Amino acid sequence: MCRNIKTLFNFDPPASSEEIESAARQYVRKLSGYNKPSRVNEVVFEAAVTEIARLSRDLLSNLQTGAEPRNRETELAKARLRNANRFG
C-alpha cells in the first residue's frame, strides 16, 4: 500500500471530505502513474478521484467496530516514533 495513504476509519472526529478526497487522489495517482494528468486525461482522472472518494465515504460510513475511536494526536505521535526508528 502507498505509504502516503493514511487510515481514515474509526477516528473522532471522523475523516473529513478533504481527507477522503486526498486519499482518493493519492490512490489514483499511484494507480495511474500520473502526478498531474495531461489535459487529454484530466477528465477521466478527476472522474476516478470523485468516484473513489464517493465509494470511500460510503465504505467509511458503513464499517462497524467495537473499538474505541482513535485519537489523531496519539496516532501522529506513533507515526513520528516509527519514522524516527526507521530513519534515525
N, C-alpha and C. Protein backbone atom coordinates (compact mmCIF):
# COMPACT_ATOMS: atom_id res chain seq x y z
N MET A 1 0.84 -1.18 0.00
CA MET A 1 0.00 0.00 0.00
C MET A 1 0.88 1.23 0.00
N CYS A 2 0.43 2.25 -0.62
CA CYS A 2 1.16 3.51 -0.68
C CYS A 2 1.28 4.10 0.72
N ARG A 3 2.46 4.48 1.11
CA ARG A 3 2.68 4.98 2.46
C ARG A 3 1.97 6.31 2.71
N ASN A 4 1.65 7.05 1.66
CA ASN A 4 1.03 8.36 1.84
C ASN A 4 -0.47 8.28 2.09
N ILE A 5 -1.06 7.12 1.87
CA ILE A 5 -2.48 6.97 2.13
C ILE A 5 -2.64 6.55 3.59
N LYS A 6 -3.33 7.36 4.35
CA LYS A 6 -3.47 7.13 5.79
C LYS A 6 -4.78 6.42 6.10
N THR A 7 -4.80 5.70 7.21
CA THR A 7 -6.02 5.08 7.69
C THR A 7 -6.99 6.18 8.08
N LEU A 8 -8.23 6.07 7.64
CA LEU A 8 -9.23 7.10 7.91
C LEU A 8 -10.39 6.58 8.75
N PHE A 9 -10.42 5.31 9.03
CA PHE A 9 -11.55 4.72 9.76
C PHE A 9 -11.36 4.80 11.27
N ASN A 10 -12.45 5.02 11.96
CA ASN A 10 -12.55 4.98 13.42
C ASN A 10 -11.74 6.08 14.10
N PHE A 11 -11.89 7.29 13.62
CA PHE A 11 -11.30 8.45 14.28
C PHE A 11 -12.40 9.33 14.83
N ASP A 12 -12.08 10.03 15.89
CA ASP A 12 -13.00 11.01 16.45
C ASP A 12 -12.30 12.35 16.46
N PRO A 13 -12.71 13.31 15.66
CA PRO A 13 -13.84 13.33 14.76
C PRO A 13 -13.57 12.48 13.51
N PRO A 14 -14.63 12.07 12.81
CA PRO A 14 -14.47 11.26 11.60
C PRO A 14 -13.65 11.99 10.53
N ALA A 15 -13.16 11.22 9.58
CA ALA A 15 -12.38 11.79 8.48
C ALA A 15 -13.21 12.83 7.73
N SER A 16 -12.55 13.91 7.37
CA SER A 16 -13.24 14.98 6.64
C SER A 16 -13.31 14.62 5.16
N SER A 17 -14.15 15.34 4.44
CA SER A 17 -14.26 15.14 2.99
C SER A 17 -12.92 15.42 2.31
N GLU A 18 -12.19 16.41 2.82
CA GLU A 18 -10.88 16.75 2.25
C GLU A 18 -9.89 15.60 2.43
N GLU A 19 -9.90 14.96 3.60
CA GLU A 19 -9.01 13.83 3.84
C GLU A 19 -9.35 12.66 2.93
N ILE A 20 -10.63 12.41 2.76
CA ILE A 20 -11.07 11.31 1.90
C ILE A 20 -10.70 11.59 0.45
N GLU A 21 -10.94 12.81 -0.01
CA GLU A 21 -10.59 13.15 -1.39
C GLU A 21 -9.08 13.10 -1.61
N SER A 22 -8.32 13.53 -0.63
CA SER A 22 -6.85 13.48 -0.73
C SER A 22 -6.36 12.04 -0.86
N ALA A 23 -6.94 11.14 -0.07
CA ALA A 23 -6.57 9.73 -0.16
C ALA A 23 -6.96 9.15 -1.52
N ALA A 24 -8.15 9.53 -2.00
CA ALA A 24 -8.60 9.05 -3.31
C ALA A 24 -7.67 9.56 -4.42
N ARG A 25 -7.29 10.82 -4.33
CA ARG A 25 -6.38 11.40 -5.33
C ARG A 25 -5.02 10.69 -5.30
N GLN A 26 -4.51 10.42 -4.11
CA GLN A 26 -3.22 9.72 -3.99
C GLN A 26 -3.32 8.32 -4.58
N TYR A 27 -4.44 7.65 -4.35
CA TYR A 27 -4.65 6.31 -4.89
C TYR A 27 -4.66 6.35 -6.42
N VAL A 28 -5.40 7.30 -7.00
CA VAL A 28 -5.48 7.41 -8.46
C VAL A 28 -4.11 7.77 -9.03
N ARG A 29 -3.38 8.64 -8.36
CA ARG A 29 -2.02 8.98 -8.81
C ARG A 29 -1.14 7.74 -8.84
N LYS A 30 -1.19 6.96 -7.77
CA LYS A 30 -0.36 5.76 -7.67
C LYS A 30 -0.75 4.76 -8.74
N LEU A 31 -2.04 4.55 -8.90
CA LEU A 31 -2.54 3.57 -9.86
C LEU A 31 -2.22 3.95 -11.30
N SER A 32 -2.40 5.25 -11.62
CA SER A 32 -2.21 5.71 -12.99
C SER A 32 -0.76 6.02 -13.33
N GLY A 33 0.03 6.33 -12.32
CA GLY A 33 1.41 6.73 -12.57
C GLY A 33 1.54 8.21 -12.88
N TYR A 34 0.44 8.94 -12.82
CA TYR A 34 0.44 10.38 -13.09
C TYR A 34 0.37 11.16 -11.78
N ASN A 35 1.26 12.13 -11.62
CA ASN A 35 1.12 13.06 -10.51
C ASN A 35 0.10 14.12 -10.90
N LYS A 36 0.23 14.59 -12.13
CA LYS A 36 -0.74 15.52 -12.71
C LYS A 36 -1.00 15.01 -14.13
N PRO A 37 -2.23 14.63 -14.43
CA PRO A 37 -2.51 14.06 -15.75
C PRO A 37 -2.43 15.12 -16.85
N SER A 38 -2.20 14.65 -18.06
CA SER A 38 -2.22 15.55 -19.22
C SER A 38 -3.65 16.04 -19.43
N ARG A 39 -3.78 17.07 -20.24
CA ARG A 39 -5.12 17.62 -20.49
C ARG A 39 -6.08 16.59 -21.05
N VAL A 40 -5.57 15.71 -21.90
CA VAL A 40 -6.43 14.71 -22.53
C VAL A 40 -6.93 13.69 -21.49
N ASN A 41 -6.18 13.47 -20.42
CA ASN A 41 -6.56 12.51 -19.39
C ASN A 41 -7.17 13.14 -18.14
N GLU A 42 -7.22 14.46 -18.09
CA GLU A 42 -7.66 15.15 -16.89
C GLU A 42 -9.10 14.81 -16.49
N VAL A 43 -10.00 14.75 -17.46
CA VAL A 43 -11.41 14.48 -17.16
C VAL A 43 -11.58 13.09 -16.56
N VAL A 44 -10.97 12.10 -17.16
CA VAL A 44 -11.11 10.73 -16.65
C VAL A 44 -10.39 10.58 -15.30
N PHE A 45 -9.27 11.26 -15.12
CA PHE A 45 -8.53 11.24 -13.86
C PHE A 45 -9.40 11.81 -12.73
N GLU A 46 -9.99 12.99 -12.96
CA GLU A 46 -10.83 13.63 -11.95
C GLU A 46 -12.10 12.83 -11.68
N ALA A 47 -12.65 12.20 -12.73
CA ALA A 47 -13.83 11.35 -12.54
C ALA A 47 -13.49 10.16 -11.64
N ALA A 48 -12.30 9.60 -11.82
CA ALA A 48 -11.87 8.48 -10.98
C ALA A 48 -11.70 8.93 -9.54
N VAL A 49 -11.09 10.09 -9.33
CA VAL A 49 -10.93 10.62 -7.97
C VAL A 49 -12.29 10.81 -7.31
N THR A 50 -13.23 11.39 -8.03
CA THR A 50 -14.57 11.64 -7.50
C THR A 50 -15.27 10.33 -7.14
N GLU A 51 -15.19 9.35 -8.02
CA GLU A 51 -15.86 8.06 -7.78
C GLU A 51 -15.22 7.31 -6.61
N ILE A 52 -13.90 7.30 -6.54
CA ILE A 52 -13.23 6.61 -5.45
C ILE A 52 -13.49 7.31 -4.12
N ALA A 53 -13.54 8.63 -4.13
CA ALA A 53 -13.88 9.37 -2.91
C ALA A 53 -15.29 9.03 -2.46
N ARG A 54 -16.22 8.95 -3.41
CA ARG A 54 -17.61 8.60 -3.08
C ARG A 54 -17.68 7.20 -2.48
N LEU A 55 -17.01 6.26 -3.10
CA LEU A 55 -17.00 4.88 -2.60
C LEU A 55 -16.32 4.80 -1.23
N SER A 56 -15.29 5.59 -1.04
CA SER A 56 -14.58 5.60 0.24
C SER A 56 -15.46 6.15 1.35
N ARG A 57 -16.19 7.24 1.06
CA ARG A 57 -17.12 7.79 2.05
C ARG A 57 -18.18 6.75 2.42
N ASP A 58 -18.69 6.04 1.41
CA ASP A 58 -19.68 5.00 1.65
C ASP A 58 -19.10 3.89 2.51
N LEU A 59 -17.90 3.46 2.19
CA LEU A 59 -17.23 2.41 2.97
C LEU A 59 -17.06 2.85 4.42
N LEU A 60 -16.49 4.04 4.62
CA LEU A 60 -16.21 4.51 5.98
C LEU A 60 -17.49 4.68 6.80
N SER A 61 -18.57 5.09 6.16
CA SER A 61 -19.82 5.29 6.90
C SER A 61 -20.51 3.97 7.23
N ASN A 62 -20.18 2.90 6.53
CA ASN A 62 -20.84 1.62 6.76
C ASN A 62 -20.01 0.62 7.55
N LEU A 63 -18.73 0.87 7.72
CA LEU A 63 -17.90 -0.03 8.53
C LEU A 63 -18.32 0.06 9.99
N GLN A 64 -18.21 -1.05 10.70
CA GLN A 64 -18.57 -1.08 12.11
C GLN A 64 -17.42 -1.63 12.92
N THR A 65 -17.29 -1.13 14.15
CA THR A 65 -16.27 -1.63 15.05
C THR A 65 -16.72 -1.44 16.48
N GLY A 66 -16.22 -2.28 17.36
CA GLY A 66 -16.48 -2.13 18.78
C GLY A 66 -15.33 -1.40 19.48
N ALA A 67 -14.26 -1.13 18.73
CA ALA A 67 -13.09 -0.47 19.31
C ALA A 67 -13.36 1.01 19.58
N GLU A 68 -12.65 1.53 20.55
CA GLU A 68 -12.74 2.96 20.84
C GLU A 68 -12.18 3.75 19.66
N PRO A 69 -12.76 4.92 19.38
CA PRO A 69 -12.21 5.76 18.31
C PRO A 69 -10.76 6.15 18.58
N ARG A 70 -9.99 6.24 17.53
CA ARG A 70 -8.58 6.63 17.65
C ARG A 70 -8.46 8.13 17.85
N ASN A 71 -7.37 8.50 18.48
CA ASN A 71 -7.05 9.90 18.69
C ASN A 71 -6.00 10.31 17.66
N ARG A 72 -6.26 11.37 16.92
CA ARG A 72 -5.34 11.79 15.86
C ARG A 72 -3.96 12.15 16.39
N GLU A 73 -3.91 12.82 17.54
CA GLU A 73 -2.62 13.22 18.08
C GLU A 73 -1.80 12.00 18.52
N THR A 74 -2.46 11.02 19.11
CA THR A 74 -1.77 9.79 19.53
C THR A 74 -1.23 9.05 18.31
N GLU A 75 -2.05 8.94 17.27
CA GLU A 75 -1.61 8.25 16.05
C GLU A 75 -0.46 8.99 15.38
N LEU A 76 -0.49 10.32 15.41
CA LEU A 76 0.60 11.12 14.84
C LEU A 76 1.89 10.90 15.63
N ALA A 77 1.79 10.84 16.95
CA ALA A 77 2.98 10.59 17.78
C ALA A 77 3.56 9.21 17.49
N LYS A 78 2.70 8.21 17.32
CA LYS A 78 3.17 6.86 16.98
C LYS A 78 3.88 6.85 15.64
N ALA A 79 3.33 7.57 14.65
CA ALA A 79 3.94 7.64 13.32
C ALA A 79 5.30 8.32 13.39
N ARG A 80 5.40 9.38 14.17
CA ARG A 80 6.69 10.07 14.32
C ARG A 80 7.73 9.16 14.95
N LEU A 81 7.32 8.39 15.94
CA LEU A 81 8.23 7.44 16.58
C LEU A 81 8.68 6.37 15.60
N ARG A 82 7.75 5.84 14.81
CA ARG A 82 8.12 4.84 13.79
C ARG A 82 9.12 5.43 12.79
N ASN A 83 8.88 6.68 12.37
CA ASN A 83 9.79 7.33 11.42
C ASN A 83 11.16 7.56 12.04
N ALA A 84 11.19 7.96 13.30
CA ALA A 84 12.46 8.18 13.98
C ALA A 84 13.25 6.86 14.07
N ASN A 85 12.57 5.78 14.39
CA ASN A 85 13.23 4.47 14.47
C ASN A 85 13.69 4.01 13.09
N ARG A 86 12.91 4.32 12.09
CA ARG A 86 13.23 3.87 10.74
C ARG A 86 14.36 4.68 10.10
N PHE A 87 14.29 6.00 10.25
CA PHE A 87 15.22 6.87 9.54
C PHE A 87 16.29 7.48 10.44
N GLY A 88 16.15 7.29 11.74
CA GLY A 88 17.18 7.79 12.66
C GLY A 88 17.06 9.22 13.05
